[in-house]
Amino acid sequence: MIELLFLIGFAVVLFMTGVSIMGMVLAMLAGFAVMMLAGMIGTLLKLLPCF
């Protein structure tokens, strides 16, 4: 859910600063990839046993 809110906010900020639609799409894809990677790392750290 946080990832979705981040992407919506990211798109709104890009739109307000006058970035083209193609630039917005590329930035959204890059943002999604970064958030997906961060989510996978977070899940991996949760699954590791803590000693």
PDB file of N, CA and C in Angstrom:
ATOM      1  N   MET A   1       0.816  -1.189   0.000  1.00  0.00           N
ATOM      2  CA  MET A   1       0.000   0.000   0.000  1.00  0.00           C
ATOM      3  C   MET A   1       0.863   1.257   0.000  1.00  0.00           C
ATOM      4  N   ILE A   2       1.937   1.230   0.765  1.00  0.00           N
ATOM      5  CA  ILE A   2       2.839   2.385   0.798  1.00  0.00           C
ATOM      6  C   ILE A   2       3.443   2.623  -0.586  1.00  0.00           C
ATOM      7  N   GLU A   3       3.747   1.540  -1.285  1.00  0.00           N
ATOM      8  CA  GLU A   3       4.339   1.671  -2.617  1.00  0.00           C
ATOM      9  C   GLU A   3       3.387   2.392  -3.566  1.00  0.00           C
ATOM     10  N   LEU A   4       2.097   2.050  -3.483  1.00  0.00           N
ATOM     11  CA  LEU A   4       1.101   2.684  -4.348  1.00  0.00           C
ATOM     12  C   LEU A   4       0.976   4.176  -4.042  1.00  0.00           C
ATOM     13  N   LEU A   5       0.946   4.523  -2.757  1.00  0.00           N
ATOM     14  CA  LEU A   5       0.879   5.939  -2.378  1.00  0.00           C
ATOM     15  C   LEU A   5       2.124   6.689  -2.842  1.00  0.00           C
ATOM     16  N   PHE A   6       3.289   6.051  -2.734  1.00  0.00           N
ATOM     17  CA  PHE A   6       4.525   6.666  -3.211  1.00  0.00           C
ATOM     18  C   PHE A   6       4.452   6.949  -4.707  1.00  0.00           C
ATOM     19  N   LEU A   7       3.986   5.971  -5.493  1.00  0.00           N
ATOM     20  CA  LEU A   7       3.915   6.153  -6.940  1.00  0.00           C
ATOM     21  C   LEU A   7       2.910   7.235  -7.331  1.00  0.00           C
ATOM     22  N   ILE A   8       1.770   7.293  -6.637  1.00  0.00           N
ATOM     23  CA  ILE A   8       0.782   8.337  -6.937  1.00  0.00           C
ATOM     24  C   ILE A   8       1.350   9.713  -6.604  1.00  0.00           C
ATOM     25  N   GLY A   9       1.961   9.852  -5.446  1.00  0.00           N
ATOM     26  CA  GLY A   9       2.578  11.127  -5.072  1.00  0.00           C
ATOM     27  C   GLY A   9       3.697  11.518  -6.010  1.00  0.00           C
ATOM     28  N   PHE A  10       4.481  10.547  -6.422  1.00  0.00           N
ATOM     29  CA  PHE A  10       5.583  10.776  -7.351  1.00  0.00           C
ATOM     30  C   PHE A  10       5.059  11.297  -8.687  1.00  0.00           C
ATOM     31  N   ALA A  11       3.981  10.689  -9.178  1.00  0.00           N
ATOM     32  CA  ALA A  11       3.387  11.110 -10.450  1.00  0.00           C
ATOM     33  C   ALA A  11       2.818  12.518 -10.353  1.00  0.00           C
ATOM     34  N   VAL A  12       2.173  12.834  -9.242  1.00  0.00           N
ATOM     35  CA  VAL A  12       1.599  14.171  -9.063  1.00  0.00           C
ATOM     36  C   VAL A  12       2.694  15.231  -9.035  1.00  0.00           C
ATOM     37  N   VAL A  13       3.776  14.961  -8.317  1.00  0.00           N
ATOM     38  CA  VAL A  13       4.886  15.917  -8.264  1.00  0.00           C
ATOM     39  C   VAL A  13       5.498  16.110  -9.642  1.00  0.00           C
ATOM     40  N   LEU A  14       5.707  15.026 -10.377  1.00  0.00           N
ATOM     41  CA  LEU A  14       6.261  15.150 -11.727  1.00  0.00           C
ATOM     42  C   LEU A  14       5.319  15.938 -12.635  1.00  0.00           C
ATOM     43  N   PHE A  15       4.017  15.693 -12.510  1.00  0.00           N
ATOM     44  CA  PHE A  15       3.032  16.397 -13.333  1.00  0.00           C
ATOM     45  C   PHE A  15       3.044  17.892 -13.017  1.00  0.00           C
ATOM     46  N   MET A  16       3.151  18.243 -11.747  1.00  0.00           N
ATOM     47  CA  MET A  16       3.137  19.659 -11.341  1.00  0.00           C
ATOM     48  C   MET A  16       4.406  20.400 -11.780  1.00  0.00           C
ATOM     49  N   THR A  17       5.502  19.677 -11.924  1.00  0.00           N
ATOM     50  CA  THR A  17       6.743  20.334 -12.345  1.00  0.00           C
ATOM     51  C   THR A  17       6.868  20.418 -13.860  1.00  0.00           C
ATOM     52  N   GLY A  18       5.898  19.873 -14.594  1.00  0.00           N
ATOM     53  CA  GLY A  18       5.877  20.034 -16.039  1.00  0.00           C
ATOM     54  C   GLY A  18       6.647  18.976 -16.809  1.00  0.00           C
ATOM     55  N   VAL A  19       6.838  17.819 -16.226  1.00  0.00           N
ATOM     56  CA  VAL A  19       7.528  16.738 -16.928  1.00  0.00           C
ATOM     57  C   VAL A  19       6.563  16.134 -17.951  1.00  0.00           C
ATOM     58  N   SER A  20       7.079  15.757 -19.112  1.00  0.00           N
ATOM     59  CA  SER A  20       6.228  15.185 -20.163  1.00  0.00           C
ATOM     60  C   SER A  20       5.647  13.848 -19.729  1.00  0.00           C
ATOM     61  N   ILE A  21       4.623  13.404 -20.453  1.00  0.00           N
ATOM     62  CA  ILE A  21       3.966  12.142 -20.123  1.00  0.00           C
ATOM     63  C   ILE A  21       4.945  10.976 -20.248  1.00  0.00           C
ATOM     64  N   MET A  22       5.770  10.989 -21.290  1.00  0.00           N
ATOM     65  CA  MET A  22       6.746   9.902 -21.461  1.00  0.00           C
ATOM     66  C   MET A  22       7.761   9.910 -20.323  1.00  0.00           C
ATOM     67  N   GLY A  23       8.194  11.090 -19.916  1.00  0.00           N
ATOM     68  CA  GLY A  23       9.107  11.186 -18.774  1.00  0.00           C
ATOM     69  C   GLY A  23       8.463  10.685 -17.502  1.00  0.00           C
ATOM     70  N   MET A  24       7.160  10.989 -17.343  1.00  0.00           N
ATOM     71  CA  MET A  24       6.433  10.513 -16.166  1.00  0.00           C
ATOM     72  C   MET A  24       6.344   8.995 -16.150  1.00  0.00           C
ATOM     73  N   VAL A  25       6.063   8.397 -17.309  1.00  0.00           N
ATOM     74  CA  VAL A  25       5.954   6.935 -17.387  1.00  0.00           C
ATOM     75  C   VAL A  25       7.288   6.279 -17.059  1.00  0.00           C
ATOM     76  N   LEU A  26       8.366   6.816 -17.620  1.00  0.00           N
ATOM     77  CA  LEU A  26       9.690   6.245 -17.339  1.00  0.00           C
ATOM     78  C   LEU A  26      10.056   6.413 -15.869  1.00  0.00           C
ATOM     79  N   ALA A  27       9.751   7.575 -15.290  1.00  0.00           N
ATOM     80  CA  ALA A  27      10.059   7.800 -13.878  1.00  0.00           C
ATOM     81  C   ALA A  27       9.210   6.894 -12.988  1.00  0.00           C
ATOM     82  N   MET A  28       7.945   6.666 -13.371  1.00  0.00           N
ATOM     83  CA  MET A  28       7.087   5.779 -12.594  1.00  0.00           C
ATOM     84  C   MET A  28       7.611   4.342 -12.637  1.00  0.00           C
ATOM     85  N   LEU A  29       8.067   3.907 -13.815  1.00  0.00           N
ATOM     86  CA  LEU A  29       8.636   2.554 -13.920  1.00  0.00           C
ATOM     87  C   LEU A  29       9.898   2.431 -13.074  1.00  0.00           C
ATOM     88  N   ALA A  30      10.738   3.456 -13.106  1.00  0.00           N
ATOM     89  CA  ALA A  30      11.959   3.426 -12.292  1.00  0.00           C
ATOM     90  C   ALA A  30      11.608   3.427 -10.806  1.00  0.00           C
ATOM     91  N   GLY A  31      10.647   4.258 -10.415  1.00  0.00           N
ATOM     92  CA  GLY A  31      10.223   4.296  -9.018  1.00  0.00           C
ATOM     93  C   GLY A  31       9.629   2.970  -8.565  1.00  0.00           C
ATOM     94  N   PHE A  32       8.826   2.345  -9.439  1.00  0.00           N
ATOM     95  CA  PHE A  32       8.244   1.046  -9.113  1.00  0.00           C
ATOM     96  C   PHE A  32       9.335   0.000  -8.934  1.00  0.00           C
ATOM     97  N   ALA A  33      10.333   0.019  -9.801  1.00  0.00           N
ATOM     98  CA  ALA A  33      11.423  -0.961  -9.702  1.00  0.00           C
ATOM     99  C   ALA A  33      12.193  -0.790  -8.400  1.00  0.00           C
ATOM    100  N   VAL A  34      12.459   0.456  -8.011  1.00  0.00           N
ATOM    101  CA  VAL A  34      13.192   0.718  -6.766  1.00  0.00           C
ATOM    102  C   VAL A  34      12.373   0.270  -5.563  1.00  0.00           C
ATOM    103  N   MET A  35      11.076   0.594  -5.554  1.00  0.00           N
ATOM    104  CA  MET A  35      10.228   0.199  -4.427  1.00  0.00           C
ATOM    105  C   MET A  35      10.065  -1.320  -4.359  1.00  0.00           C
ATOM    106  N   MET A  36       9.985  -1.982  -5.518  1.00  0.00           N
ATOM    107  CA  MET A  36       9.874  -3.438  -5.536  1.00  0.00           C
ATOM    108  C   MET A  36      11.149  -4.067  -4.968  1.00  0.00           C
ATOM    109  N   LEU A  37      12.297  -3.552  -5.360  1.00  0.00           N
ATOM    110  CA  LEU A  37      13.563  -4.069  -4.846  1.00  0.00           C
ATOM    111  C   LEU A  37      13.665  -3.846  -3.335  1.00  0.00           C
ATOM    112  N   ALA A  38      13.275  -2.662  -2.875  1.00  0.00           N
ATOM    113  CA  ALA A  38      13.311  -2.379  -1.438  1.00  0.00           C
ATOM    114  C   ALA A  38      12.360  -3.307  -0.677  1.00  0.00           C
ATOM    115  N   GLY A  39      11.197  -3.583  -1.247  1.00  0.00           N
ATOM    116  CA  GLY A  39      10.254  -4.504  -0.611  1.00  0.00           C
ATOM    117  C   GLY A  39      10.799  -5.913  -0.525  1.00  0.00           C
ATOM    118  N   MET A  40      11.477  -6.351  -1.585  1.00  0.00           N
ATOM    119  CA  MET A  40      12.065  -7.697  -1.566  1.00  0.00           C
ATOM    120  C   MET A  40      13.177  -7.795  -0.525  1.00  0.00           C
ATOM    121  N   ILE A  41      14.002  -6.753  -0.430  1.00  0.00           N
ATOM    122  CA  ILE A  41      15.070  -6.762   0.577  1.00  0.00           C
ATOM    123  C   ILE A  41      14.477  -6.748   1.981  1.00  0.00           C
ATOM    124  N   GLY A  42      13.420  -5.950   2.181  1.00  0.00           N
ATOM    125  CA  GLY A  42      12.750  -5.911   3.487  1.00  0.00           C
ATOM    126  C   GLY A  42      12.169  -7.258   3.864  1.00  0.00           C
ATOM    127  N   THR A  43      11.542  -7.933   2.901  1.00  0.00           N
ATOM    128  CA  THR A  43      10.986  -9.257   3.161  1.00  0.00           C
ATOM    129  C   THR A  43      12.091 -10.262   3.467  1.00  0.00           C
ATOM    130  N   LEU A  44      13.189 -10.174   2.746  1.00  0.00           N
ATOM    131  CA  LEU A  44      14.322 -11.065   2.996  1.00  0.00           C
ATOM    132  C   LEU A  44      14.859 -10.881   4.409  1.00  0.00           C
ATOM    133  N   LEU A  45      14.987  -9.623   4.841  1.00  0.00           N
ATOM    134  CA  LEU A  45      15.496  -9.365   6.187  1.00  0.00           C
ATOM    135  C   LEU A  45      14.524  -9.855   7.259  1.00  0.00           C
ATOM    136  N   LYS A  46      13.217  -9.785   6.980  1.00  0.00           N
ATOM    137  CA  LYS A  46      12.243 -10.312   7.944  1.00  0.00           C
ATOM    138  C   LYS A  46      12.333 -11.825   8.054  1.00  0.00           C
ATOM    139  N   LEU A  47      12.650 -12.498   6.950  1.00  0.00           N
ATOM    140  CA  LEU A  47      12.693 -13.953   6.952  1.00  0.00           C
ATOM    141  C   LEU A  47      13.970 -14.512   7.591  1.00  0.00           C
ATOM    142  N   LEU A  48      15.011 -13.707   7.642  1.00  0.00           N
ATOM    143  CA  LEU A  48      16.259 -14.201   8.237  1.00  0.00           C
ATOM    144  C   LEU A  48      16.092 -14.361   9.742  1.00  0.00           C
ATOM    145  N   PRO A  49      16.621 -15.452  10.289  1.00  0.00           N
ATOM    146  CA  PRO A  49      16.526 -15.619  11.741  1.00  0.00           C
ATOM    147  C   PRO A  49      17.469 -14.641  12.452  1.00  0.00           C
ATOM    148  N   CYS A  50      16.977 -14.050  13.511  1.00  0.00           N
ATOM    149  CA  CYS A  50      17.801 -13.106  14.302  1.00  0.00           C
ATOM    150  C   CYS A  50      18.456 -13.846  15.444  1.00  0.00           C
ATOM    151  N   PHE A  51      19.760 -13.704  15.578  1.00  0.00           N
ATOM    152  CA  PHE A  51      20.481 -14.384  16.652  1.00  0.00           C
ATOM    153  C   PHE A  51      20.852 -13.415  17.729  1.00  0.00           C
TER     154      PHE A  51
END
